[in-house]
Amino acid sequence: MEFTQSTLDKICDKKILVISFTAMTPHLETSLEITRRLSVRNNVSYAHLGKYVTRPTMYSKLLLKRKFQLPIRVNRARKYLRRHSDANHNIRWINTHNLDNLFSSIKSQLNYSYAFNDLTQLMNINFKNYNIGVGVSSTIITDLADPDPFPLSEKIVYEIFGV
């Protein structure tokens, strides 16, 4: 495939950090394959930060599934990269347990508020000249299984913003 050979395969002799926040298929697997491809010609470190986000899996409403699925999937990812880290693939897994206090400190200093009264306002949000509102809206609609989720309940606001 000419397209893929002109992208990842051209990166050479770099130190690369791959960060994943999700334990959902196919996103987790894609991050692992990108890591493997980059590791052929580069030193690659991989960190999974899913435990620091509100929804790393699709199991938001089922606490037990969410608490058990994430560590199982992240552990499988770690074992997969360990199996594929050899003389030809330089991959280092970053243990994120040391970040617990740092993330707690950062989160306590942040002040979240959302000012979206309806889906149209959310869909018009831009970040650095990119319209991200449509993607965020789509994710919220899909996750909540509600084509018009506004106004958001306190429970949903807490899940999204952590406040």
N, C-alpha and C. Protein backbone atom coordinates (compact mmCIF):
# COMPACT_ATOMS: atom_id res chain seq x y z
N MET A 1 0.83 -1.18 0.00
CA MET A 1 0.00 0.00 0.00
C MET A 1 0.87 1.24 0.00
N GLU A 2 0.80 1.97 -1.03
CA GLU A 2 1.65 3.14 -1.19
C GLU A 2 1.37 4.20 -0.13
N PHE A 3 0.08 4.41 0.21
CA PHE A 3 -0.27 5.44 1.19
C PHE A 3 0.39 5.18 2.54
N THR A 4 0.27 3.96 3.04
CA THR A 4 0.85 3.68 4.36
C THR A 4 2.36 3.70 4.33
N GLN A 5 2.96 3.35 3.22
CA GLN A 5 4.42 3.39 3.15
C GLN A 5 4.95 4.81 3.12
N SER A 6 4.10 5.74 2.73
CA SER A 6 4.57 7.12 2.69
C SER A 6 4.27 7.86 4.00
N THR A 7 3.78 7.14 5.00
CA THR A 7 3.48 7.80 6.27
C THR A 7 4.31 7.20 7.39
N LEU A 8 3.76 6.24 8.11
CA LEU A 8 4.44 5.67 9.27
C LEU A 8 5.80 5.06 8.94
N ASP A 9 5.90 4.39 7.83
CA ASP A 9 7.12 3.67 7.51
C ASP A 9 8.29 4.59 7.17
N LYS A 10 8.03 5.87 6.94
CA LYS A 10 9.12 6.80 6.64
C LYS A 10 9.72 7.44 7.90
N ILE A 11 9.05 7.30 9.02
CA ILE A 11 9.57 7.88 10.26
C ILE A 11 10.71 7.00 10.75
N CYS A 12 11.86 7.63 10.99
CA CYS A 12 13.05 6.85 11.29
C CYS A 12 13.91 7.55 12.34
N ASP A 13 14.50 6.75 13.23
CA ASP A 13 15.46 7.23 14.23
C ASP A 13 14.88 8.31 15.15
N LYS A 14 13.66 8.11 15.61
CA LYS A 14 13.01 9.05 16.51
C LYS A 14 12.65 8.36 17.82
N LYS A 15 12.47 9.16 18.85
CA LYS A 15 11.88 8.69 20.09
C LYS A 15 10.41 9.08 20.03
N ILE A 16 9.52 8.09 20.12
CA ILE A 16 8.10 8.34 19.92
C ILE A 16 7.33 7.84 21.14
N LEU A 17 6.38 8.65 21.58
CA LEU A 17 5.50 8.28 22.67
C LEU A 17 4.09 8.08 22.09
N VAL A 18 3.55 6.88 22.25
CA VAL A 18 2.19 6.58 21.83
C VAL A 18 1.35 6.53 23.10
N ILE A 19 0.27 7.33 23.12
CA ILE A 19 -0.62 7.37 24.28
C ILE A 19 -2.00 6.93 23.84
N SER A 20 -2.57 6.01 24.60
CA SER A 20 -3.93 5.57 24.33
C SER A 20 -4.78 5.81 25.56
N PHE A 21 -6.01 6.23 25.34
CA PHE A 21 -6.95 6.46 26.43
C PHE A 21 -8.12 5.49 26.39
N THR A 22 -8.21 4.69 25.36
CA THR A 22 -9.38 3.85 25.20
C THR A 22 -9.02 2.38 25.27
N ALA A 23 -9.97 1.60 25.71
CA ALA A 23 -9.81 0.14 25.72
C ALA A 23 -10.87 -0.48 24.82
N MET A 24 -11.40 0.33 23.91
CA MET A 24 -12.44 -0.15 23.00
C MET A 24 -11.83 -0.67 21.71
N THR A 25 -12.47 -1.68 21.18
CA THR A 25 -12.12 -2.21 19.88
C THR A 25 -12.74 -1.31 18.82
N PRO A 26 -12.09 -0.96 17.77
CA PRO A 26 -10.76 -1.34 17.30
C PRO A 26 -9.67 -0.34 17.68
N HIS A 27 -10.01 0.66 18.49
CA HIS A 27 -9.06 1.73 18.79
C HIS A 27 -7.81 1.24 19.51
N LEU A 28 -7.99 0.38 20.50
CA LEU A 28 -6.84 -0.14 21.23
C LEU A 28 -5.94 -0.95 20.30
N GLU A 29 -6.52 -1.83 19.51
CA GLU A 29 -5.73 -2.65 18.59
C GLU A 29 -4.99 -1.79 17.58
N THR A 30 -5.63 -0.73 17.12
CA THR A 30 -4.98 0.17 16.15
C THR A 30 -3.77 0.84 16.79
N SER A 31 -3.90 1.29 18.03
CA SER A 31 -2.74 1.92 18.69
C SER A 31 -1.60 0.93 18.86
N LEU A 32 -1.93 -0.34 19.10
CA LEU A 32 -0.88 -1.36 19.24
C LEU A 32 -0.19 -1.63 17.90
N GLU A 33 -0.94 -1.70 16.83
CA GLU A 33 -0.34 -1.93 15.51
C GLU A 33 0.50 -0.74 15.06
N ILE A 34 0.04 0.46 15.34
CA ILE A 34 0.85 1.65 15.02
C ILE A 34 2.16 1.61 15.81
N THR A 35 2.07 1.23 17.07
CA THR A 35 3.27 1.11 17.91
C THR A 35 4.24 0.11 17.32
N ARG A 36 3.73 -1.05 16.92
CA ARG A 36 4.60 -2.08 16.33
C ARG A 36 5.26 -1.58 15.05
N ARG A 37 4.49 -0.93 14.19
CA ARG A 37 5.07 -0.45 12.92
C ARG A 37 6.13 0.62 13.17
N LEU A 38 5.86 1.51 14.10
CA LEU A 38 6.83 2.56 14.38
C LEU A 38 8.09 2.01 15.03
N SER A 39 7.97 0.91 15.77
CA SER A 39 9.10 0.38 16.53
C SER A 39 10.17 -0.27 15.65
N VAL A 40 9.87 -0.51 14.39
CA VAL A 40 10.85 -1.14 13.51
C VAL A 40 12.06 -0.22 13.31
N ARG A 41 11.84 1.10 13.20
CA ARG A 41 12.92 2.04 12.93
C ARG A 41 13.08 3.12 13.99
N ASN A 42 12.34 2.97 15.10
CA ASN A 42 12.34 4.02 16.12
C ASN A 42 12.32 3.40 17.52
N ASN A 43 12.61 4.21 18.51
CA ASN A 43 12.42 3.82 19.90
C ASN A 43 11.04 4.31 20.32
N VAL A 44 10.16 3.38 20.65
CA VAL A 44 8.77 3.73 20.94
C VAL A 44 8.43 3.40 22.39
N SER A 45 7.80 4.36 23.05
CA SER A 45 7.26 4.13 24.39
C SER A 45 5.74 4.19 24.28
N TYR A 46 5.07 3.34 25.04
CA TYR A 46 3.62 3.25 24.98
C TYR A 46 3.05 3.45 26.38
N ALA A 47 2.07 4.33 26.50
CA ALA A 47 1.40 4.57 27.78
C ALA A 47 -0.10 4.47 27.58
N HIS A 48 -0.75 3.75 28.47
CA HIS A 48 -2.22 3.68 28.43
C HIS A 48 -2.74 4.47 29.62
N LEU A 49 -3.49 5.53 29.33
CA LEU A 49 -3.98 6.43 30.38
C LEU A 49 -5.49 6.32 30.55
N GLY A 50 -6.07 5.20 30.18
CA GLY A 50 -7.52 5.02 30.25
C GLY A 50 -8.12 5.15 31.62
N LYS A 51 -7.35 4.85 32.65
CA LYS A 51 -7.93 4.94 33.99
C LYS A 51 -8.10 6.38 34.45
N TYR A 52 -7.60 7.32 33.67
CA TYR A 52 -7.72 8.73 34.03
C TYR A 52 -8.82 9.45 33.27
N VAL A 53 -9.58 8.74 32.45
CA VAL A 53 -10.69 9.34 31.72
C VAL A 53 -11.99 8.72 32.19
N THR A 54 -13.09 9.43 31.94
CA THR A 54 -14.37 8.96 32.47
C THR A 54 -14.94 7.76 31.73
N ARG A 55 -14.58 7.57 30.48
CA ARG A 55 -15.18 6.47 29.73
C ARG A 55 -14.16 5.80 28.81
N PRO A 56 -13.27 4.97 29.35
CA PRO A 56 -12.29 4.29 28.51
C PRO A 56 -12.87 3.07 27.78
N THR A 57 -14.04 2.63 28.21
CA THR A 57 -14.73 1.52 27.53
C THR A 57 -16.16 1.96 27.28
N MET A 58 -16.92 1.13 26.61
CA MET A 58 -18.31 1.45 26.35
C MET A 58 -19.21 1.09 27.52
N TYR A 59 -18.64 0.66 28.64
CA TYR A 59 -19.44 0.18 29.76
C TYR A 59 -19.61 1.27 30.82
N SER A 60 -20.20 2.38 30.46
CA SER A 60 -20.32 3.48 31.42
C SER A 60 -21.32 3.19 32.52
N LYS A 61 -22.44 2.57 32.17
CA LYS A 61 -23.50 2.37 33.15
C LYS A 61 -23.28 1.13 34.01
N LEU A 62 -22.43 0.23 33.58
CA LEU A 62 -22.20 -1.00 34.30
C LEU A 62 -20.85 -0.92 35.00
N LEU A 63 -20.86 -0.46 36.23
CA LEU A 63 -19.64 -0.19 36.98
C LEU A 63 -18.72 -1.41 37.04
N LEU A 64 -19.27 -2.57 37.34
CA LEU A 64 -18.43 -3.76 37.45
C LEU A 64 -17.73 -4.08 36.13
N LYS A 65 -18.47 -4.02 35.03
CA LYS A 65 -17.84 -4.28 33.73
C LYS A 65 -16.76 -3.25 33.45
N ARG A 66 -17.06 -1.99 33.75
CA ARG A 66 -16.08 -0.93 33.47
C ARG A 66 -14.83 -1.12 34.31
N LYS A 67 -14.99 -1.46 35.57
CA LYS A 67 -13.84 -1.61 36.46
C LYS A 67 -13.02 -2.85 36.13
N PHE A 68 -13.64 -3.90 35.61
CA PHE A 68 -12.91 -5.13 35.31
C PHE A 68 -12.42 -5.18 33.87
N GLN A 69 -13.21 -4.67 32.92
CA GLN A 69 -12.82 -4.75 31.51
C GLN A 69 -11.56 -3.94 31.21
N LEU A 70 -11.49 -2.74 31.74
CA LEU A 70 -10.33 -1.88 31.44
C LEU A 70 -9.01 -2.53 31.86
N PRO A 71 -8.84 -2.95 33.11
CA PRO A 71 -7.54 -3.55 33.47
C PRO A 71 -7.23 -4.82 32.69
N ILE A 72 -8.24 -5.61 32.38
CA ILE A 72 -8.01 -6.84 31.60
C ILE A 72 -7.50 -6.49 30.22
N ARG A 73 -8.15 -5.55 29.56
CA ARG A 73 -7.76 -5.17 28.20
C ARG A 73 -6.39 -4.49 28.17
N VAL A 74 -6.11 -3.63 29.15
CA VAL A 74 -4.82 -2.96 29.20
C VAL A 74 -3.71 -3.98 29.46
N ASN A 75 -3.97 -4.94 30.33
CA ASN A 75 -2.97 -5.98 30.60
C ASN A 75 -2.70 -6.81 29.34
N ARG A 76 -3.74 -7.13 28.58
CA ARG A 76 -3.54 -7.85 27.32
C ARG A 76 -2.69 -7.03 26.35
N ALA A 77 -2.94 -5.73 26.31
CA ALA A 77 -2.15 -4.86 25.43
C ALA A 77 -0.69 -4.86 25.85
N ARG A 78 -0.45 -4.78 27.16
CA ARG A 78 0.93 -4.79 27.67
C ARG A 78 1.63 -6.09 27.30
N LYS A 79 0.95 -7.22 27.47
CA LYS A 79 1.53 -8.52 27.12
C LYS A 79 1.79 -8.63 25.62
N TYR A 80 0.88 -8.10 24.82
CA TYR A 80 1.05 -8.12 23.37
C TYR A 80 2.31 -7.35 22.97
N LEU A 81 2.48 -6.16 23.51
CA LEU A 81 3.66 -5.37 23.16
C LEU A 81 4.93 -6.00 23.70
N ARG A 82 4.86 -6.60 24.87
CA ARG A 82 6.04 -7.29 25.41
C ARG A 82 6.45 -8.44 24.49
N ARG A 83 5.47 -9.20 24.00
CA ARG A 83 5.76 -10.31 23.08
C ARG A 83 6.42 -9.81 21.80
N HIS A 84 6.05 -8.62 21.36
CA HIS A 84 6.57 -8.11 20.09
C HIS A 84 7.74 -7.15 20.27
N SER A 85 8.21 -6.99 21.47
CA SER A 85 9.39 -6.16 21.70
C SER A 85 10.61 -7.07 21.70
N ASP A 86 11.44 -6.91 20.69
CA ASP A 86 12.64 -7.72 20.56
C ASP A 86 13.72 -6.88 19.91
N ALA A 87 14.72 -7.52 19.37
CA ALA A 87 15.83 -6.79 18.74
C ALA A 87 15.35 -5.95 17.56
N ASN A 88 14.27 -6.36 16.89
CA ASN A 88 13.77 -5.63 15.72
C ASN A 88 12.65 -4.64 16.06
N HIS A 89 12.12 -4.71 17.25
CA HIS A 89 11.03 -3.84 17.66
C HIS A 89 11.33 -3.32 19.06
N ASN A 90 11.80 -2.08 19.15
CA ASN A 90 12.15 -1.50 20.43
C ASN A 90 10.94 -0.78 21.02
N ILE A 91 10.22 -1.49 21.92
CA ILE A 91 9.00 -0.95 22.52
C ILE A 91 9.15 -0.98 24.05
N ARG A 92 8.84 0.17 24.67
CA ARG A 92 8.90 0.25 26.13
C ARG A 92 7.52 0.60 26.66
N TRP A 93 7.01 -0.20 27.60
CA TRP A 93 5.74 0.06 28.24
C TRP A 93 5.97 1.02 29.41
N ILE A 94 5.21 2.08 29.48
CA ILE A 94 5.35 3.04 30.57
C ILE A 94 4.32 2.71 31.64
N ASN A 95 4.80 2.44 32.84
CA ASN A 95 3.92 2.17 33.96
C ASN A 95 3.34 3.49 34.45
N THR A 96 2.03 3.61 34.42
CA THR A 96 1.39 4.89 34.75
C THR A 96 0.94 5.00 36.19
N HIS A 97 1.22 4.01 37.02
CA HIS A 97 0.78 4.07 38.42
C HIS A 97 1.36 5.28 39.14
N ASN A 98 2.51 5.74 38.73
CA ASN A 98 3.16 6.89 39.37
C ASN A 98 2.42 8.19 39.09
N LEU A 99 1.52 8.19 38.12
CA LEU A 99 0.84 9.42 37.73
C LEU A 99 -0.42 9.71 38.55
N ASP A 100 -0.84 8.79 39.41
CA ASP A 100 -2.08 8.96 40.16
C ASP A 100 -2.13 10.28 40.91
N ASN A 101 -1.10 10.58 41.68
CA ASN A 101 -1.09 11.83 42.46
C ASN A 101 -1.04 13.06 41.56
N LEU A 102 -0.28 12.98 40.48
CA LEU A 102 -0.18 14.11 39.56
C LEU A 102 -1.53 14.42 38.94
N PHE A 103 -2.23 13.39 38.43
CA PHE A 103 -3.53 13.62 37.80
C PHE A 103 -4.56 14.11 38.81
N SER A 104 -4.52 13.61 40.04
CA SER A 104 -5.44 14.09 41.07
C SER A 104 -5.20 15.57 41.36
N SER A 105 -3.94 15.96 41.41
CA SER A 105 -3.60 17.35 41.66
C SER A 105 -4.07 18.25 40.52
N ILE A 106 -3.84 17.83 39.30
CA ILE A 106 -4.26 18.62 38.13
C ILE A 106 -5.77 18.74 38.10
N LYS A 107 -6.46 17.63 38.30
CA LYS A 107 -7.92 17.63 38.24
C LYS A 107 -8.52 18.55 39.29
N SER A 108 -7.92 18.60 40.47
CA SER A 108 -8.45 19.45 41.53
C SER A 108 -8.28 20.94 41.20
N GLN A 109 -7.35 21.27 40.32
CA GLN A 109 -7.10 22.66 39.96
C GLN A 109 -7.94 23.13 38.77
N LEU A 110 -8.53 22.19 38.05
CA LEU A 110 -9.30 22.56 36.88
C LEU A 110 -10.72 22.95 37.27
N ASN A 111 -11.25 23.91 36.56
CA ASN A 111 -12.62 24.35 36.81
C ASN A 111 -13.42 24.16 35.52
N TYR A 112 -14.20 23.10 35.48
CA TYR A 112 -14.98 22.80 34.28
C TYR A 112 -16.34 23.48 34.36
N SER A 113 -16.78 23.92 33.23
CA SER A 113 -18.17 24.34 33.09
C SER A 113 -18.52 24.17 31.63
N TYR A 114 -19.73 23.78 31.40
CA TYR A 114 -20.13 23.66 30.01
C TYR A 114 -21.25 24.65 29.75
N ALA A 115 -21.24 25.20 28.57
CA ALA A 115 -22.22 26.24 28.24
C ALA A 115 -22.99 25.86 26.98
N PHE A 116 -23.35 24.60 26.89
CA PHE A 116 -24.09 24.14 25.73
C PHE A 116 -25.53 23.92 26.14
N ASN A 117 -26.42 24.69 25.56
CA ASN A 117 -27.83 24.54 25.89
C ASN A 117 -28.55 23.57 24.98
N ASP A 118 -27.95 23.32 23.82
CA ASP A 118 -28.57 22.37 22.90
C ASP A 118 -27.52 21.79 21.97
N LEU A 119 -27.93 20.83 21.19
CA LEU A 119 -27.02 20.11 20.29
C LEU A 119 -26.42 21.03 19.23
N THR A 120 -27.18 21.99 18.75
CA THR A 120 -26.67 22.90 17.72
C THR A 120 -25.48 23.70 18.23
N GLN A 121 -25.55 24.19 19.48
CA GLN A 121 -24.42 24.93 20.05
C GLN A 121 -23.19 24.04 20.17
N LEU A 122 -23.39 22.82 20.62
CA LEU A 122 -22.27 21.90 20.77
C LEU A 122 -21.65 21.58 19.41
N MET A 123 -22.47 21.39 18.40
CA MET A 123 -21.96 21.04 17.07
C MET A 123 -21.13 22.16 16.44
N ASN A 124 -21.28 23.37 16.92
CA ASN A 124 -20.54 24.50 16.35
C ASN A 124 -19.24 24.83 17.07
N ILE A 125 -18.81 23.99 17.99
CA ILE A 125 -17.57 24.24 18.74
C ILE A 125 -16.36 23.98 17.84
N ASN A 126 -15.41 24.91 17.88
CA ASN A 126 -14.17 24.79 17.13
C ASN A 126 -12.99 24.79 18.09
N PHE A 127 -11.94 24.08 17.69
CA PHE A 127 -10.69 24.08 18.44
C PHE A 127 -9.57 24.22 17.43
N LYS A 128 -8.80 25.30 17.54
CA LYS A 128 -7.71 25.59 16.60
C LYS A 128 -8.17 25.47 15.15
N ASN A 129 -9.27 26.12 14.85
CA ASN A 129 -9.86 26.17 13.51
C ASN A 129 -10.38 24.82 13.00
N TYR A 130 -10.57 23.85 13.89
CA TYR A 130 -11.16 22.57 13.51
C TYR A 130 -12.51 22.45 14.20
N ASN A 131 -13.51 22.07 13.44
CA ASN A 131 -14.83 21.86 14.03
C ASN A 131 -14.82 20.50 14.71
N ILE A 132 -14.75 20.54 16.04
CA ILE A 132 -14.77 19.29 16.80
C ILE A 132 -16.15 19.00 17.37
N GLY A 133 -17.03 19.98 17.28
CA GLY A 133 -18.36 19.84 17.87
C GLY A 133 -19.19 18.72 17.28
N VAL A 134 -19.07 18.50 15.98
CA VAL A 134 -19.84 17.43 15.33
C VAL A 134 -19.40 16.07 15.87
N GLY A 135 -18.11 15.87 16.00
CA GLY A 135 -17.60 14.60 16.53
C GLY A 135 -17.99 14.38 17.98
N VAL A 136 -17.88 15.44 18.78
CA VAL A 136 -18.27 15.34 20.19
C VAL A 136 -19.77 15.07 20.29
N SER A 137 -20.56 15.76 19.48
CA SER A 137 -22.01 15.54 19.48
C SER A 137 -22.35 14.11 19.11
N SER A 138 -21.70 13.62 18.07
CA SER A 138 -21.93 12.25 17.62
C SER A 138 -21.61 11.24 18.71
N THR A 139 -20.50 11.46 19.40
CA THR A 139 -20.11 10.55 20.48
C THR A 139 -21.13 10.57 21.62
N ILE A 140 -21.56 11.76 22.00
CA ILE A 140 -22.55 11.87 23.08
C ILE A 140 -23.86 11.21 22.68
N ILE A 141 -24.32 11.45 21.46
CA ILE A 141 -25.57 10.85 20.99
C ILE A 141 -25.46 9.33 21.00
N THR A 142 -24.34 8.81 20.50
CA THR A 142 -24.14 7.36 20.46
C THR A 142 -24.05 6.77 21.86
N ASP A 143 -23.23 7.36 22.71
CA ASP A 143 -23.03 6.82 24.05
C ASP A 143 -24.29 6.87 24.89
N LEU A 144 -25.08 7.92 24.75
CA LEU A 144 -26.29 8.05 25.55
C LEU A 144 -27.50 7.41 24.88
N ALA A 145 -27.33 6.99 23.63
CA ALA A 145 -28.45 6.42 22.85
C ALA A 145 -29.64 7.36 22.87
N ASP A 146 -29.36 8.66 22.67
CA ASP A 146 -30.40 9.68 22.71
C ASP A 146 -30.09 10.70 21.61
N PRO A 147 -30.95 10.82 20.60
CA PRO A 147 -30.66 11.76 19.50
C PRO A 147 -30.74 13.23 19.92
N ASP A 148 -31.34 13.52 21.07
CA ASP A 148 -31.40 14.89 21.57
C ASP A 148 -31.16 14.88 23.08
N PRO A 149 -29.90 14.76 23.50
CA PRO A 149 -29.59 14.54 24.92
C PRO A 149 -29.66 15.78 25.81
N PHE A 150 -29.93 16.94 25.25
CA PHE A 150 -29.94 18.17 26.06
C PHE A 150 -31.32 18.46 26.60
N PRO A 151 -31.40 19.03 27.79
CA PRO A 151 -30.30 19.38 28.69
C PRO A 151 -29.71 18.12 29.32
N LEU A 152 -28.40 18.15 29.55
CA LEU A 152 -27.71 17.01 30.15
C LEU A 152 -28.06 16.91 31.64
N SER A 153 -28.27 15.70 32.09
CA SER A 153 -28.54 15.49 33.51
C SER A 153 -27.26 15.71 34.31
N GLU A 154 -27.39 15.92 35.60
CA GLU A 154 -26.22 16.10 36.46
C GLU A 154 -25.30 14.89 36.40
N LYS A 155 -25.90 13.72 36.34
CA LYS A 155 -25.12 12.47 36.27
C LYS A 155 -24.26 12.44 35.00
N ILE A 156 -24.84 12.84 33.88
CA ILE A 156 -24.10 12.84 32.61
C ILE A 156 -23.03 13.93 32.62
N VAL A 157 -23.33 15.09 33.17
CA VAL A 157 -22.33 16.17 33.27
C VAL A 157 -21.15 15.68 34.11
N TYR A 158 -21.44 14.98 35.21
CA TYR A 158 -20.36 14.44 36.05
C TYR A 158 -19.53 13.43 35.27
N GLU A 159 -20.20 12.55 34.50
CA GLU A 159 -19.46 11.55 33.74
C GLU A 159 -18.57 12.18 32.68
N ILE A 160 -19.05 13.20 32.01
CA ILE A 160 -18.30 13.84 30.93
C ILE A 160 -17.19 14.74 31.49
N PHE A 161 -17.53 15.59 32.45
CA PHE A 161 -16.59 16.59 32.94
C PHE A 161 -15.94 16.24 34.27
N GLY A 162 -16.47 15.24 34.96
CA GLY A 162 -15.88 14.83 36.24
C GLY A 162 -16.15 15.81 37.37
N VAL A 163 -17.16 16.66 37.22
CA VAL A 163 -17.51 17.60 38.30
C VAL A 163 -18.98 17.50 38.63
